[in-house]
Structure formats: structure tokens, C-alpha cells
Amino acid sequence: MRVVVDRDLCQGHGMCELEAPDVFEAGRDSVNLLDETPGEARRAEVEAAVQFCPTQALKIVEE
């Protein structure tokens, strides 16, 4: 899986970092991806980050 951030939608709320701190790092106005292709062991936390993003700026792309 690959994580994609829509930087036009992201407002840096940081919910993703709370759900998956090894994958996301909240910045002032956007999020930084620490791991664009996290392994399957992190799938549940990445899916939670996508689900709880208040601006729906995250998505998972299956590769």
C-alpha cells in the first residue's frame, strides 16, 4: 500500500499523527509522510488515520 496526501485539502490537524505516529508527522499547515509505503503491519493504524482525517486529505492506494 502507498499513502497519498492531498496537500490542497490537508490543514495540519494532526489526527493522522495520533493514529499512526510512525507514518505521519503533523506540520503547521500540512502533514509530512515519514513512510509513504508502510508495511501491512501498520495497515490498521493507517486506515484509522485515513478514516479520522477531518478534511479527508488522505487515501490509501493499493499497489
N, C-alpha and C. Protein backbone atom coordinates (compact mmCIF):
# COMPACT_ATOMS: atom_id res chain seq x y z
N MET A 1 0.84 -1.18 0.00
CA MET A 1 0.00 0.00 0.00
C MET A 1 0.88 1.24 0.00
N ARG A 2 0.33 2.28 -0.57
CA ARG A 2 1.02 3.58 -0.60
C ARG A 2 0.04 4.62 -0.06
N VAL A 3 0.54 5.52 0.77
CA VAL A 3 -0.28 6.58 1.36
C VAL A 3 -0.10 7.84 0.52
N VAL A 4 -1.23 8.50 0.24
CA VAL A 4 -1.21 9.73 -0.55
C VAL A 4 -1.88 10.83 0.27
N VAL A 5 -1.25 12.01 0.27
CA VAL A 5 -1.80 13.18 0.97
C VAL A 5 -2.17 14.23 -0.07
N ASP A 6 -3.40 14.69 -0.03
CA ASP A 6 -3.81 15.81 -0.87
C ASP A 6 -3.46 17.09 -0.11
N ARG A 7 -2.38 17.71 -0.49
CA ARG A 7 -1.88 18.89 0.22
C ARG A 7 -2.83 20.09 0.10
N ASP A 8 -3.69 20.09 -0.90
CA ASP A 8 -4.67 21.17 -1.03
C ASP A 8 -5.76 21.05 0.03
N LEU A 9 -6.05 19.83 0.46
CA LEU A 9 -7.08 19.60 1.47
C LEU A 9 -6.54 19.60 2.89
N CYS A 10 -5.31 19.13 3.06
CA CYS A 10 -4.73 18.98 4.40
C CYS A 10 -4.59 20.34 5.09
N GLN A 11 -5.02 20.39 6.34
CA GLN A 11 -4.91 21.61 7.14
C GLN A 11 -4.04 21.42 8.37
N GLY A 12 -3.39 20.27 8.48
CA GLY A 12 -2.47 20.03 9.58
C GLY A 12 -3.12 19.79 10.93
N HIS A 13 -4.30 19.21 10.95
CA HIS A 13 -5.00 18.94 12.22
C HIS A 13 -4.24 17.95 13.10
N GLY A 14 -3.53 17.02 12.48
CA GLY A 14 -2.70 16.09 13.23
C GLY A 14 -3.38 14.81 13.69
N MET A 15 -4.62 14.58 13.27
CA MET A 15 -5.29 13.34 13.66
C MET A 15 -4.54 12.12 13.13
N CYS A 16 -3.97 12.25 11.95
CA CYS A 16 -3.23 11.13 11.36
C CYS A 16 -2.01 10.77 12.21
N GLU A 17 -1.34 11.79 12.73
CA GLU A 17 -0.17 11.52 13.57
C GLU A 17 -0.58 10.82 14.86
N LEU A 18 -1.73 11.16 15.39
CA LEU A 18 -2.21 10.49 16.60
C LEU A 18 -2.50 9.02 16.34
N GLU A 19 -3.01 8.72 15.16
CA GLU A 19 -3.36 7.34 14.81
C GLU A 19 -2.16 6.52 14.35
N ALA A 20 -1.24 7.15 13.62
CA ALA A 20 -0.09 6.43 13.05
C ALA A 20 1.17 7.30 13.14
N PRO A 21 1.73 7.45 14.33
CA PRO A 21 2.87 8.36 14.51
C PRO A 21 4.15 7.95 13.79
N ASP A 22 4.26 6.69 13.39
CA ASP A 22 5.44 6.26 12.65
C ASP A 22 5.31 6.52 11.16
N VAL A 23 4.12 6.94 10.73
CA VAL A 23 3.86 7.17 9.32
C VAL A 23 3.68 8.65 9.01
N PHE A 24 3.05 9.40 9.95
CA PHE A 24 2.72 10.80 9.72
C PHE A 24 3.36 11.69 10.78
N GLU A 25 3.69 12.90 10.35
CA GLU A 25 4.16 13.93 11.28
C GLU A 25 3.43 15.22 10.91
N ALA A 26 2.64 15.71 11.85
CA ALA A 26 1.85 16.91 11.58
C ALA A 26 2.75 18.14 11.58
N GLY A 27 2.58 18.94 10.55
CA GLY A 27 3.29 20.21 10.47
C GLY A 27 2.33 21.34 10.79
N ARG A 28 2.76 22.54 10.57
CA ARG A 28 1.91 23.69 10.89
C ARG A 28 0.67 23.74 10.01
N ASP A 29 0.85 23.56 8.71
CA ASP A 29 -0.27 23.66 7.78
C ASP A 29 -0.53 22.40 6.98
N SER A 30 0.30 21.40 7.16
CA SER A 30 0.16 20.17 6.39
C SER A 30 0.84 19.03 7.15
N VAL A 31 0.75 17.86 6.59
CA VAL A 31 1.36 16.69 7.22
C VAL A 31 2.55 16.24 6.38
N ASN A 32 3.55 15.72 7.05
CA ASN A 32 4.71 15.13 6.37
C ASN A 32 4.58 13.62 6.47
N LEU A 33 4.83 12.96 5.36
CA LEU A 33 4.83 11.50 5.36
C LEU A 33 6.20 11.01 5.77
N LEU A 34 6.26 10.26 6.85
CA LEU A 34 7.52 9.67 7.29
C LEU A 34 7.78 8.36 6.57
N ASP A 35 6.68 7.71 6.15
CA ASP A 35 6.78 6.43 5.45
C ASP A 35 5.65 6.34 4.44
N GLU A 36 5.95 6.60 3.18
CA GLU A 36 4.94 6.61 2.12
C GLU A 36 4.40 5.22 1.81
N THR A 37 5.21 4.20 2.09
CA THR A 37 4.80 2.82 1.82
C THR A 37 4.96 1.95 3.07
N PRO A 38 4.11 2.20 4.07
CA PRO A 38 4.20 1.40 5.30
C PRO A 38 3.82 -0.05 5.02
N GLY A 39 4.37 -0.94 5.78
CA GLY A 39 4.07 -2.36 5.62
C GLY A 39 2.70 -2.73 6.13
N GLU A 40 2.31 -3.95 5.86
CA GLU A 40 1.00 -4.46 6.26
C GLU A 40 0.80 -4.42 7.78
N ALA A 41 1.87 -4.47 8.53
CA ALA A 41 1.76 -4.43 9.99
C ALA A 41 1.17 -3.09 10.47
N ARG A 42 1.27 -2.07 9.65
CA ARG A 42 0.76 -0.74 10.01
C ARG A 42 -0.59 -0.43 9.35
N ARG A 43 -1.14 -1.39 8.63
CA ARG A 43 -2.37 -1.13 7.87
C ARG A 43 -3.51 -0.60 8.76
N ALA A 44 -3.76 -1.22 9.89
CA ALA A 44 -4.88 -0.81 10.74
C ALA A 44 -4.73 0.64 11.20
N GLU A 45 -3.54 1.03 11.60
CA GLU A 45 -3.37 2.40 12.07
C GLU A 45 -3.44 3.41 10.92
N VAL A 46 -2.94 3.03 9.74
CA VAL A 46 -3.03 3.92 8.58
C VAL A 46 -4.49 4.06 8.14
N GLU A 47 -5.24 2.97 8.15
CA GLU A 47 -6.66 3.04 7.80
C GLU A 47 -7.42 3.92 8.79
N ALA A 48 -7.05 3.86 10.07
CA ALA A 48 -7.68 4.73 11.07
C ALA A 48 -7.34 6.19 10.80
N ALA A 49 -6.10 6.46 10.43
CA ALA A 49 -5.69 7.83 10.10
C ALA A 49 -6.49 8.37 8.93
N VAL A 50 -6.68 7.55 7.91
CA VAL A 50 -7.47 7.95 6.74
C VAL A 50 -8.92 8.20 7.17
N GLN A 51 -9.47 7.31 7.96
CA GLN A 51 -10.86 7.42 8.39
C GLN A 51 -11.11 8.68 9.22
N PHE A 52 -10.19 9.02 10.11
CA PHE A 52 -10.41 10.11 11.04
C PHE A 52 -9.86 11.46 10.57
N CYS A 53 -9.32 11.52 9.37
CA CYS A 53 -8.84 12.80 8.83
C CYS A 53 -10.04 13.73 8.64
N PRO A 54 -10.08 14.87 9.34
CA PRO A 54 -11.25 15.74 9.26
C PRO A 54 -11.48 16.37 7.89
N THR A 55 -10.46 16.45 7.06
CA THR A 55 -10.62 17.07 5.74
C THR A 55 -10.58 16.04 4.62
N GLN A 56 -10.49 14.76 4.97
CA GLN A 56 -10.43 13.67 4.00
C GLN A 56 -9.29 13.85 3.00
N ALA A 57 -8.14 14.28 3.52
CA ALA A 57 -6.97 14.57 2.70
C ALA A 57 -6.08 13.34 2.46
N LEU A 58 -6.40 12.23 3.10
CA LEU A 58 -5.56 11.03 2.99
C LEU A 58 -6.27 9.93 2.25
N LYS A 59 -5.49 9.15 1.52
CA LYS A 59 -6.05 7.93 0.91
C LYS A 59 -4.96 6.89 0.80
N ILE A 60 -5.40 5.66 0.71
CA ILE A 60 -4.51 4.52 0.52
C ILE A 60 -4.66 4.05 -0.92
N VAL A 61 -3.53 3.87 -1.58
CA VAL A 61 -3.51 3.34 -2.94
C VAL A 61 -2.88 1.96 -2.87
N GLU A 62 -3.61 0.97 -3.33
CA GLU A 62 -3.09 -0.40 -3.33
C GLU A 62 -2.17 -0.58 -4.53
N GLU A 63 -1.03 -1.18 -4.29
CA GLU A 63 -0.07 -1.38 -5.38
C GLU A 63 0.16 -2.85 -5.64
